[in-house]
C-alpha atoms as a PDB file:
ATOM      1  CA  UNK A   1     -11.322 -28.310 284.803  1.00  0.00           C
ATOM      2  CA  UNK A   2      -8.564 -27.480 282.347  1.00  0.00           C
ATOM      3  CA  UNK A   3      -9.823 -30.222 279.967  1.00  0.00           C
ATOM      4  CA  UNK A   4     -13.285 -28.663 280.030  1.00  0.00           C
ATOM      5  CA  UNK A   5     -11.856 -25.243 279.213  1.00  0.00           C
ATOM      6  CA  UNK A   6      -9.821 -26.705 276.304  1.00  0.00           C
ATOM      7  CA  UNK A   7     -12.835 -28.616 274.928  1.00  0.00           C
ATOM      8  CA  UNK A   8     -14.945 -25.451 275.112  1.00  0.00           C
ATOM      9  CA  UNK A   9     -12.244 -23.380 273.267  1.00  0.00           C
ATOM     10  CA  UNK A  10     -11.847 -26.031 270.668  1.00  0.00           C
ATOM     11  CA  UNK A  11     -15.635 -26.009 270.037  1.00  0.00           C
ATOM     12  CA  UNK A  12     -15.683 -22.260 269.711  1.00  0.00           C
ATOM     13  CA  UNK A  13     -12.799 -22.362 267.205  1.00  0.00           C
ATOM     14  CA  UNK A  14     -14.610 -25.006 265.110  1.00  0.00           C
ATOM     15  CA  UNK A  15     -17.761 -22.788 265.151  1.00  0.00           C
ATOM     16  CA  UNK A  16     -15.763 -19.676 264.113  1.00  0.00           C
ATOM     17  CA  UNK A  17     -13.980 -21.383 261.328  1.00  0.00           C
ATOM     18  CA  UNK A  18     -15.441 -20.854 257.800  1.00  0.00           C
ATOM     19  CA  UNK A  19     -17.585 -23.660 256.675  1.00  0.00           C
ATOM     20  CA  UNK A  20     -17.059 -25.418 253.339  1.00  0.00           C
ATOM     21  CA  UNK A  21     -19.712 -24.800 250.721  1.00  0.00           C
ATOM     22  CA  UNK A  22     -22.393 -27.433 250.932  1.00  0.00           C
ATOM     23  CA  UNK A  23     -23.517 -29.253 247.746  1.00  0.00           C
ATOM     24  CA  UNK A  24     -26.363 -27.438 246.075  1.00  0.00           C
ATOM     25  CA  UNK A  25     -25.532 -24.147 247.735  1.00  0.00           C
ATOM     26  CA  UNK A  26     -24.216 -21.396 245.414  1.00  0.00           C
ATOM     27  CA  UNK A  27     -20.821 -20.044 246.257  1.00  0.00           C
ATOM     28  CA  UNK A  28     -20.556 -16.380 247.246  1.00  0.00           C
ATOM     29  CA  UNK A  29     -19.738 -14.025 244.427  1.00  0.00           C
ATOM     30  CA  UNK A  30     -16.085 -13.176 244.285  1.00  0.00           C
ATOM     31  CA  UNK A  31     -16.734  -9.533 243.436  1.00  0.00           C
ATOM     32  CA  UNK A  32     -18.553  -7.513 246.044  1.00  0.00           C
ATOM     33  CA  UNK A  33     -21.588  -5.562 244.964  1.00  0.00           C
ATOM     34  CA  UNK A  34     -19.897  -2.347 246.215  1.00  0.00           C
ATOM     35  CA  UNK A  35     -16.997  -2.897 243.731  1.00  0.00           C
ATOM     36  CA  UNK A  36     -19.458  -3.217 240.859  1.00  0.00           C
ATOM     37  CA  UNK A  37     -21.313  -0.081 242.009  1.00  0.00           C
ATOM     38  CA  UNK A  38     -18.043   1.829 242.271  1.00  0.00           C
ATOM     39  CA  UNK A  39     -17.109   0.818 238.733  1.00  0.00           C
ATOM     40  CA  UNK A  40     -20.544   1.868 237.454  1.00  0.00           C
ATOM     41  CA  UNK A  41     -20.228   5.243 239.198  1.00  0.00           C
ATOM     42  CA  UNK A  42     -16.757   5.771 237.718  1.00  0.00           C
ATOM     43  CA  UNK A  43     -18.219   5.137 234.236  1.00  0.00           C
ATOM     44  CA  UNK A  44     -21.017   7.594 234.856  1.00  0.00           C
ATOM     45  CA  UNK A  45     -18.606  10.221 236.070  1.00  0.00           C
ATOM     46  CA  UNK A  46     -16.478   9.803 232.945  1.00  0.00           C
ATOM     47  CA  UNK A  47     -19.468   9.934 230.601  1.00  0.00           C
ATOM     48  CA  UNK A  48     -21.435  12.739 232.277  1.00  0.00           C
ATOM     49  CA  UNK A  49     -19.316  15.775 231.410  1.00  0.00           C
ATOM     50  CA  UNK A  50     -19.280  15.211 227.550  1.00  0.00           C
ATOM     51  CA  UNK A  51     -22.986  14.349 227.669  1.00  0.00           C
ATOM     52  CA  UNK A  52     -23.744  17.590 229.498  1.00  0.00           C
ATOM     53  CA  UNK A  53     -21.737  19.539 226.937  1.00  0.00           C
ATOM     54  CA  UNK A  54     -23.540  17.729 224.059  1.00  0.00           C
ATOM     55  CA  UNK A  55     -26.961  18.608 225.472  1.00  0.00           C
ATOM     56  CA  UNK A  56     -26.004  22.240 225.991  1.00  0.00           C
ATOM     57  CA  UNK A  57     -24.669  22.514 222.394  1.00  0.00           C
ATOM     58  CA  UNK A  58     -27.739  20.914 220.964  1.00  0.00           C
ATOM     59  CA  UNK A  59     -30.087  23.144 222.904  1.00  0.00           C
ATOM     60  CA  UNK A  60     -28.158  26.258 221.916  1.00  0.00           C
ATOM     61  CA  UNK A  61     -28.096  25.148 218.300  1.00  0.00           C
ATOM     62  CA  UNK A  62     -31.845  24.544 218.286  1.00  0.00           C
ATOM     63  CA  UNK A  63     -32.546  27.863 219.927  1.00  0.00           C
ATOM     64  CA  UNK A  64     -30.388  29.925 217.579  1.00  0.00           C
ATOM     65  CA  UNK A  65     -31.726  28.296 214.448  1.00  0.00           C
ATOM     66  CA  UNK A  66     -35.348  28.693 215.547  1.00  0.00           C
ATOM     67  CA  UNK A  67     -35.324  32.057 217.108  1.00  0.00           C
ATOM     68  CA  UNK A  68     -32.800  33.613 214.743  1.00  0.00           C
ATOM     69  CA  UNK A  69     -34.767  32.540 211.621  1.00  0.00           C
ATOM     70  CA  UNK A  70     -31.724  30.968 210.087  1.00  0.00           C
ATOM     71  CA  UNK A  71     -32.495  29.596 206.671  1.00  0.00           C
ATOM     72  CA  UNK A  72     -32.791  25.812 206.677  1.00  0.00           C
ATOM     73  CA  UNK A  73     -30.491  25.356 203.659  1.00  0.00           C
ATOM     74  CA  UNK A  74     -27.717  27.262 205.539  1.00  0.00           C
ATOM     75  CA  UNK A  75     -27.817  25.764 209.002  1.00  0.00           C
ATOM     76  CA  UNK A  76     -30.572  23.311 209.761  1.00  0.00           C
ATOM     77  CA  UNK A  77     -31.749  22.715 213.294  1.00  0.00           C
ATOM     78  CA  UNK A  78     -31.009  19.482 215.145  1.00  0.00           C
ATOM     79  CA  UNK A  79     -34.626  18.411 214.705  1.00  0.00           C
ATOM     80  CA  UNK A  80     -34.302  18.963 210.907  1.00  0.00           C
ATOM     81  CA  UNK A  81     -31.127  16.883 210.837  1.00  0.00           C
ATOM     82  CA  UNK A  82     -32.831  14.084 212.894  1.00  0.00           C
ATOM     83  CA  UNK A  83     -35.837  14.210 210.477  1.00  0.00           C
ATOM     84  CA  UNK A  84     -33.569  13.963 207.464  1.00  0.00           C
ATOM     85  CA  UNK A  85     -31.723  11.006 208.959  1.00  0.00           C
ATOM     86  CA  UNK A  86     -35.053   9.302 209.755  1.00  0.00           C
ATOM     87  CA  UNK A  87     -36.467   9.856 206.310  1.00  0.00           C
ATOM     88  CA  UNK A  88     -33.305   8.640 204.506  1.00  0.00           C
ATOM     89  CA  UNK A  89     -32.413   5.967 207.020  1.00  0.00           C
ATOM     90  CA  UNK A  90     -32.020   3.066 204.531  1.00  0.00           C
ATOM     91  CA  UNK A  91     -29.726   5.113 202.241  1.00  0.00           C
ATOM     92  CA  UNK A  92     -27.774   6.523 205.226  1.00  0.00           C
ATOM     93  CA  UNK A  93     -27.284   3.016 206.699  1.00  0.00           C
ATOM     94  CA  UNK A  94     -26.098   1.620 203.392  1.00  0.00           C
ATOM     95  CA  UNK A  95     -23.607   4.437 202.934  1.00  0.00           C
ATOM     96  CA  UNK A  96     -22.386   4.034 206.531  1.00  0.00           C
ATOM     97  CA  UNK A  97     -21.837   0.286 206.128  1.00  0.00           C
ATOM     98  CA  UNK A  98     -19.993   0.834 202.829  1.00  0.00           C
ATOM     99  CA  UNK A  99     -17.638   3.457 204.336  1.00  0.00           C
ATOM    100  CA  UNK A 100     -17.161   1.223 207.403  1.00  0.00           C
ATOM    101  CA  UNK A 101     -16.097  -1.719 205.249  1.00  0.00           C
ATOM    102  CA  UNK A 102     -13.676   0.481 203.246  1.00  0.00           C
ATOM    103  CA  UNK A 103     -12.165   2.120 206.373  1.00  0.00           C
ATOM    104  CA  UNK A 104     -11.703  -1.167 208.171  1.00  0.00           C
ATOM    105  CA  UNK A 105     -10.016  -2.788 205.159  1.00  0.00           C
ATOM    106  CA  UNK A 106      -7.729   0.265 204.679  1.00  0.00           C
ATOM    107  CA  UNK A 107      -6.861   0.256 208.395  1.00  0.00           C
ATOM    108  CA  UNK A 108      -5.886  -3.360 208.410  1.00  0.00           C
ATOM    109  CA  UNK A 109      -3.782  -3.032 205.246  1.00  0.00           C
ATOM    110  CA  UNK A 110      -2.065   0.186 206.396  1.00  0.00           C
ATOM    111  CA  UNK A 111      -1.447  -1.211 209.936  1.00  0.00           C
ATOM    112  CA  UNK A 112       0.006  -4.477 208.606  1.00  0.00           C
ATOM    113  CA  UNK A 113       2.244  -2.741 205.979  1.00  0.00           C
ATOM    114  CA  UNK A 114       3.288  -0.002 208.418  1.00  0.00           C
ATOM    115  CA  UNK A 115       4.384  -2.480 211.118  1.00  0.00           C
ATOM    116  CA  UNK A 116       6.158  -4.863 208.699  1.00  0.00           C
ATOM    117  CA  UNK A 117       7.785  -1.923 206.971  1.00  0.00           C
ATOM    118  CA  UNK A 118       9.055  -0.469 210.268  1.00  0.00           C
ATOM    119  CA  UNK A 119      10.478  -3.854 211.261  1.00  0.00           C
ATOM    120  CA  UNK A 120      12.246  -4.112 207.927  1.00  0.00           C
ATOM    121  CA  UNK A 121      13.688  -0.551 208.248  1.00  0.00           C
ATOM    122  CA  UNK A 122      14.733  -1.109 211.872  1.00  0.00           C
ATOM    123  CA  UNK A 123      16.579  -4.334 210.999  1.00  0.00           C
ATOM    124  CA  UNK A 124      19.252  -2.428 209.025  1.00  0.00           C
ATOM    125  CA  UNK A 125      20.421   1.151 209.252  1.00  0.00           C
ATOM    126  CA  UNK A 126      21.418   0.940 205.587  1.00  0.00           C
ATOM    127  CA  UNK A 127      17.899  -0.011 204.506  1.00  0.00           C
ATOM    128  CA  UNK A 128      16.436   2.681 206.746  1.00  0.00           C
ATOM    129  CA  UNK A 129      18.610   5.407 205.262  1.00  0.00           C
ATOM    130  CA  UNK A 130      17.807   4.218 201.750  1.00  0.00           C
ATOM    131  CA  UNK A 131      14.051   3.690 201.959  1.00  0.00           C
ATOM    132  CA  UNK A 132      12.688   5.951 204.739  1.00  0.00           C
ATOM    133  CA  UNK A 133      13.129   9.231 202.866  1.00  0.00           C
ATOM    134  CA  UNK A 134      10.755   7.933 200.140  1.00  0.00           C
ATOM    135  CA  UNK A 135       8.153   7.160 202.713  1.00  0.00           C
ATOM    136  CA  UNK A 136       8.366  10.742 203.912  1.00  0.00           C
ATOM    137  CA  UNK A 137       8.000  11.937 200.277  1.00  0.00           C
ATOM    138  CA  UNK A 138       4.910   9.765 199.921  1.00  0.00           C
ATOM    139  CA  UNK A 139       3.382  11.366 203.033  1.00  0.00           C
ATOM    140  CA  UNK A 140       4.129  14.892 201.989  1.00  0.00           C
ATOM    141  CA  UNK A 141       2.308  14.602 198.591  1.00  0.00           C
ATOM    142  CA  UNK A 142      -1.225  15.799 199.060  1.00  0.00           C
ATOM    143  CA  UNK A 143      -3.843  13.090 198.714  1.00  0.00           C
ATOM    144  CA  UNK A 144      -5.832  15.113 196.299  1.00  0.00           C
ATOM    145  CA  UNK A 145      -2.840  14.930 193.934  1.00  0.00           C
ATOM    146  CA  UNK A 146      -2.375  11.183 194.134  1.00  0.00           C
ATOM    147  CA  UNK A 147      -6.040  10.134 194.359  1.00  0.00           C
ATOM    148  CA  UNK A 148      -6.917  10.886 190.711  1.00  0.00           C
ATOM    149  CA  UNK A 149      -3.966   8.748 189.605  1.00  0.00           C
ATOM    150  CA  UNK A 150      -5.102   5.914 191.816  1.00  0.00           C
ATOM    151  CA  UNK A 151      -8.627   6.152 190.329  1.00  0.00           C
ATOM    152  CA  UNK A 152      -7.193   5.979 186.867  1.00  0.00           C
ATOM    153  CA  UNK A 153      -4.995   2.921 187.747  1.00  0.00           C
ATOM    154  CA  UNK A 154      -7.649   1.017 189.707  1.00  0.00           C
ATOM    155  CA  UNK A 155     -10.858   2.416 188.281  1.00  0.00           C
ATOM    156  CA  UNK A 156     -13.777   4.039 190.074  1.00  0.00           C
ATOM    157  CA  UNK A 157     -14.303   1.202 192.525  1.00  0.00           C
ATOM    158  CA  UNK A 158     -14.014   0.388 196.153  1.00  0.00           C
ATOM    159  CA  UNK A 159     -10.438  -0.824 195.534  1.00  0.00           C
ATOM    160  CA  UNK A 160      -9.414   2.768 194.685  1.00  0.00           C
ATOM    161  CA  UNK A 161     -11.050   4.094 197.902  1.00  0.00           C
ATOM    162  CA  UNK A 162      -9.264   1.406 200.010  1.00  0.00           C
ATOM    163  CA  UNK A 163      -5.874   2.251 198.428  1.00  0.00           C
ATOM    164  CA  UNK A 164      -6.349   6.012 199.038  1.00  0.00           C
ATOM    165  CA  UNK A 165      -7.353   5.457 202.607  1.00  0.00           C
ATOM    166  CA  UNK A 166      -4.506   2.954 203.192  1.00  0.00           C
ATOM    167  CA  UNK A 167      -1.974   5.445 201.931  1.00  0.00           C
ATOM    168  CA  UNK A 168      -3.280   8.091 204.348  1.00  0.00           C
ATOM    169  CA  UNK A 169      -3.086   5.687 207.293  1.00  0.00           C
ATOM    170  CA  UNK A 170       0.233   4.044 206.400  1.00  0.00           C
ATOM    171  CA  UNK A 171       2.829   6.606 207.462  1.00  0.00           C
ATOM    172  CA  UNK A 172       1.665   7.210 211.061  1.00  0.00           C
ATOM    173  CA  UNK A 173       1.982   3.475 211.815  1.00  0.00           C
ATOM    174  CA  UNK A 174       5.304   3.257 210.067  1.00  0.00           C
ATOM    175  CA  UNK A 175       6.719   6.313 211.783  1.00  0.00           C
ATOM    176  CA  UNK A 176       5.504   5.486 215.288  1.00  0.00           C
ATOM    177  CA  UNK A 177       6.526   1.845 215.139  1.00  0.00           C
ATOM    178  CA  UNK A 178      10.013   2.713 213.825  1.00  0.00           C
ATOM    179  CA  UNK A 179      10.441   5.269 216.622  1.00  0.00           C
ATOM    180  CA  UNK A 180       9.442   2.581 219.182  1.00  0.00           C
ATOM    181  CA  UNK A 181      11.828   0.070 217.712  1.00  0.00           C
ATOM    182  CA  UNK A 182      14.584   2.658 217.930  1.00  0.00           C
ATOM    183  CA  UNK A 183      13.810   3.509 221.504  1.00  0.00           C
ATOM    184  CA  UNK A 184      14.555   0.092 223.065  1.00  0.00           C
ATOM    185  CA  UNK A 185      16.516   0.327 226.256  1.00  0.00           C
ATOM    186  CA  UNK A 186      20.167  -0.174 225.326  1.00  0.00           C
ATOM    187  CA  UNK A 187      20.832  -1.901 228.603  1.00  0.00           C
ATOM    188  CA  UNK A 188      18.381  -4.617 227.668  1.00  0.00           C
ATOM    189  CA  UNK A 189      19.847  -4.815 224.208  1.00  0.00           C
ATOM    190  CA  UNK A 190      23.318  -5.319 225.798  1.00  0.00           C
ATOM    191  CA  UNK A 191      21.895  -7.988 228.028  1.00  0.00           C
ATOM    192  CA  UNK A 192      20.518  -9.905 225.034  1.00  0.00           C
ATOM    193  CA  UNK A 193      23.860  -9.540 223.318  1.00  0.00           C
ATOM    194  CA  UNK A 194      25.589 -10.864 226.459  1.00  0.00           C
ATOM    195  CA  UNK A 195      23.429 -13.981 226.212  1.00  0.00           C
ATOM    196  CA  UNK A 196      24.424 -14.318 222.559  1.00  0.00           C
ATOM    197  CA  UNK A 197      20.901 -13.603 221.169  1.00  0.00           C
ATOM    198  CA  UNK A 198      20.626 -13.153 217.403  1.00  0.00           C
ATOM    199  CA  UNK A 199      19.387 -10.085 215.610  1.00  0.00           C
ATOM    200  CA  UNK A 200      15.910 -11.471 214.975  1.00  0.00           C
ATOM    201  CA  UNK A 201      15.657 -12.978 218.417  1.00  0.00           C
ATOM    202  CA  UNK A 202      16.307  -9.550 219.857  1.00  0.00           C
ATOM    203  CA  UNK A 203      13.786  -8.044 217.446  1.00  0.00           C
ATOM    204  CA  UNK A 204      10.943 -10.469 218.225  1.00  0.00           C
ATOM    205  CA  UNK A 205      11.584 -10.968 221.950  1.00  0.00           C
ATOM    206  CA  UNK A 206      12.660  -7.518 222.977  1.00  0.00           C
ATOM    207  CA  UNK A 207      12.314  -4.669 220.496  1.00  0.00           C
ATOM    208  CA  UNK A 208       8.826  -5.440 219.210  1.00  0.00           C
ATOM    209  CA  UNK A 209       7.262  -5.961 222.709  1.00  0.00           C
ATOM    210  CA  UNK A 210       8.993  -2.786 223.929  1.00  0.00           C
ATOM    211  CA  UNK A 211       7.661  -0.833 220.936  1.00  0.00           C
ATOM    212  CA  UNK A 212       3.960  -1.827 221.466  1.00  0.00           C
ATOM    213  CA  UNK A 213       2.997   1.538 223.056  1.00  0.00           C
ATOM    214  CA  UNK A 214       4.339   3.303 219.975  1.00  0.00           C
ATOM    215  CA  UNK A 215       2.574   0.822 217.648  1.00  0.00           C
ATOM    216  CA  UNK A 216      -0.739   1.471 219.362  1.00  0.00           C
ATOM    217  CA  UNK A 217      -0.188   5.232 219.194  1.00  0.00           C
ATOM    218  CA  UNK A 218       0.302   4.994 215.427  1.00  0.00           C
ATOM    219  CA  UNK A 219      -2.734   2.788 215.084  1.00  0.00           C
ATOM    220  CA  UNK A 220      -4.892   5.388 216.903  1.00  0.00           C
ATOM    221  CA  UNK A 221      -3.926   8.024 214.339  1.00  0.00           C
ATOM    222  CA  UNK A 222      -4.324   5.597 211.443  1.00  0.00           C
ATOM    223  CA  UNK A 223      -7.862   4.649 212.575  1.00  0.00           C
ATOM    224  CA  UNK A 224      -9.146   8.135 212.162  1.00  0.00           C
ATOM    225  CA  UNK A 225      -7.190   8.781 208.946  1.00  0.00           C
ATOM    226  CA  UNK A 226      -8.635   5.575 207.501  1.00  0.00           C
ATOM    227  CA  UNK A 227     -12.137   6.980 207.939  1.00  0.00           C
ATOM    228  CA  UNK A 228     -11.125  10.383 206.499  1.00  0.00           C
ATOM    229  CA  UNK A 229      -9.330   8.692 203.637  1.00  0.00           C
ATOM    230  CA  UNK A 230     -12.322   6.503 202.790  1.00  0.00           C
ATOM    231  CA  UNK A 231     -14.607   9.532 202.580  1.00  0.00           C
ATOM    232  CA  UNK A 232     -12.079  11.527 200.517  1.00  0.00           C
ATOM    233  CA  UNK A 233     -11.627   8.524 198.189  1.00  0.00           C
ATOM    234  CA  UNK A 234     -15.426   8.255 197.779  1.00  0.00           C
ATOM    235  CA  UNK A 235     -15.589  11.901 196.967  1.00  0.00           C
ATOM    236  CA  UNK A 236     -12.863  11.750 194.273  1.00  0.00           C
ATOM    237  CA  UNK A 237     -13.838   8.386 192.837  1.00  0.00           C
ATOM    238  CA  UNK A 238     -17.508   9.404 192.657  1.00  0.00           C
ATOM    239  CA  UNK A 239     -18.803   5.958 193.358  1.00  0.00           C
ATOM    240  CA  UNK A 240     -22.609   5.866 193.224  1.00  0.00           C
ATOM    241  CA  UNK A 241     -25.410   3.297 192.873  1.00  0.00           C
ATOM    242  CA  UNK A 242     -25.301   0.445 195.345  1.00  0.00           C
ATOM    243  CA  UNK A 243     -21.622   1.170 196.316  1.00  0.00           C
ATOM    244  CA  UNK A 244     -22.138   4.737 197.440  1.00  0.00           C
ATOM    245  CA  UNK A 245     -20.560   5.647 200.724  1.00  0.00           C
ATOM    246  CA  UNK A 246     -20.773   8.611 203.070  1.00  0.00           C
ATOM    247  CA  UNK A 247     -18.420  10.639 200.892  1.00  0.00           C
ATOM    248  CA  UNK A 248     -20.683  10.288 197.889  1.00  0.00           C
ATOM    249  CA  UNK A 249     -23.734  11.056 200.023  1.00  0.00           C
ATOM    250  CA  UNK A 250     -22.190  14.236 201.328  1.00  0.00           C
ATOM    251  CA  UNK A 251     -21.217  15.298 197.825  1.00  0.00           C
ATOM    252  CA  UNK A 252     -24.692  14.701 196.319  1.00  0.00           C
ATOM    253  CA  UNK A 253     -26.502  16.380 199.231  1.00  0.00           C
ATOM    254  CA  UNK A 254     -24.267  19.439 198.908  1.00  0.00           C
ATOM    255  CA  UNK A 255     -24.947  19.716 195.179  1.00  0.00           C
ATOM    256  CA  UNK A 256     -28.762  19.384 195.788  1.00  0.00           C
ATOM    257  CA  UNK A 257     -28.633  21.826 198.772  1.00  0.00           C
ATOM    258  CA  UNK A 258     -30.058  19.054 201.010  1.00  0.00           C
ATOM    259  CA  UNK A 259     -28.252  20.563 204.019  1.00  0.00           C
ATOM    260  CA  UNK A 260     -30.065  18.563 206.692  1.00  0.00           C
ATOM    261  CA  UNK A 261     -29.111  15.320 205.114  1.00  0.00           C
ATOM    262  CA  UNK A 262     -25.534  16.652 204.523  1.00  0.00           C
ATOM    263  CA  UNK A 263     -25.306  17.277 208.301  1.00  0.00           C
ATOM    264  CA  UNK A 264     -26.739  13.800 209.049  1.00  0.00           C
ATOM    265  CA  UNK A 265     -24.119  12.138 206.811  1.00  0.00           C
ATOM    266  CA  UNK A 266     -21.351  14.221 208.296  1.00  0.00           C
ATOM    267  CA  UNK A 267     -22.459  13.267 211.843  1.00  0.00           C
ATOM    268  CA  UNK A 268     -22.615   9.619 210.844  1.00  0.00           C
ATOM    269  CA  UNK A 269     -19.003   9.879 209.608  1.00  0.00           C
ATOM    270  CA  UNK A 270     -18.014  11.496 212.880  1.00  0.00           C
ATOM    271  CA  UNK A 271     -19.661   8.703 214.901  1.00  0.00           C
ATOM    272  CA  UNK A 272     -17.918   6.109 212.787  1.00  0.00           C
ATOM    273  CA  UNK A 273     -14.512   7.781 213.387  1.00  0.00           C
ATOM    274  CA  UNK A 274     -15.197   7.945 217.154  1.00  0.00           C
ATOM    275  CA  UNK A 275     -16.321   4.302 217.296  1.00  0.00           C
ATOM    276  CA  UNK A 276     -13.194   3.229 215.392  1.00  0.00           C
ATOM    277  CA  UNK A 277     -10.979   5.249 217.687  1.00  0.00           C
ATOM    278  CA  UNK A 278     -12.571   3.730 220.787  1.00  0.00           C
ATOM    279  CA  UNK A 279     -12.068   0.217 219.389  1.00  0.00           C
ATOM    280  CA  UNK A 280      -8.345   0.868 218.994  1.00  0.00           C
ATOM    281  CA  UNK A 281      -8.332   2.284 222.571  1.00  0.00           C
ATOM    282  CA  UNK A 282      -9.848  -1.043 223.714  1.00  0.00           C
ATOM    283  CA  UNK A 283      -7.063  -2.876 221.873  1.00  0.00           C
ATOM    284  CA  UNK A 284      -4.557  -0.660 223.632  1.00  0.00           C
ATOM    285  CA  UNK A 285      -5.972  -1.521 227.046  1.00  0.00           C
ATOM    286  CA  UNK A 286      -5.925  -5.176 226.110  1.00  0.00           C
ATOM    287  CA  UNK A 287      -2.251  -5.117 225.050  1.00  0.00           C
ATOM    288  CA  UNK A 288      -0.830  -2.603 227.583  1.00  0.00           C
ATOM    289  CA  UNK A 289      -3.219  -2.611 230.519  1.00  0.00           C
ATOM    290  CA  UNK A 290      -1.286  -5.050 232.618  1.00  0.00           C
ATOM    291  CA  UNK A 291       2.210  -3.544 232.334  1.00  0.00           C
ATOM    292  CA  UNK A 292       2.419  -0.083 230.759  1.00  0.00           C
ATOM    293  CA  UNK A 293       1.782   3.112 232.728  1.00  0.00           C
ATOM    294  CA  UNK A 294      -0.179   4.689 229.918  1.00  0.00           C
ATOM    295  CA  UNK A 295      -2.995   2.183 230.280  1.00  0.00           C
ATOM    296  CA  UNK A 296      -2.702   1.049 233.930  1.00  0.00           C
ATOM    297  CA  UNK A 297      -5.612   2.370 235.979  1.00  0.00           C
ATOM    298  CA  UNK A 298      -4.364   4.255 238.995  1.00  0.00           C
ATOM    299  CA  UNK A 299      -6.964   5.277 241.587  1.00  0.00           C
ATOM    300  CA  UNK A 300      -6.550   8.914 242.606  1.00  0.00           C
END
């Protein structure tokens, strides 16, 4: 009798045990559909408030310009701006691509020089006290004062625009990175010294990784300044023809009182800046998402 009971229990246990996947049968998805749905709902909840505000602003703008009989050359309606963007789409796209190329190049240059400069300054207090004040002086000089000199030195070319934009984006990266390198936990520094780590070993293995949140913060600011600097550089350099960017398009449309196209070019510049900023935010999540509180997703 007891053997029959044991045999029955053993058979039930075998039936209840999970079966191995048979050949040809697809394995169950690791991520449940509910998790994907929850992620999609979270994305919608994040995007919905700004979209609602955008729709309300556009509707109010359209209503005020139409019912208030506002002259088109002063404040065009959203439909006028959309029509101007559609009618001048090839020129607007060319200008947008030119400014994008200039801003990306300036951002890479300013980011690389800012990070390397901060590492060099942080490696020696003497070097920092000797050089850092001149970096502050460079930042305090208005760009409208230095830009004409840069145009004289490099000519009215894309190179001048990139240099102007790189100068604008350089200091935030330098300052933020240097602050992060200074803010290393002294207990960890003492621990590295206890294990007889050299100055550069401590720099590469401790101080630079610990400064990454500050580096990313500086890159965020630099990304928007690179776009602003590119447009300012185009405005001052006055580059036209096939190399015209958004700055030149804005200047020419203002001179001709083509206000709808001016709005379209300005909105395109704004979209470029937002897209650039979001790309840097994605880089921040990639670098810091697994360990730093500023990017770790905490469900509330």
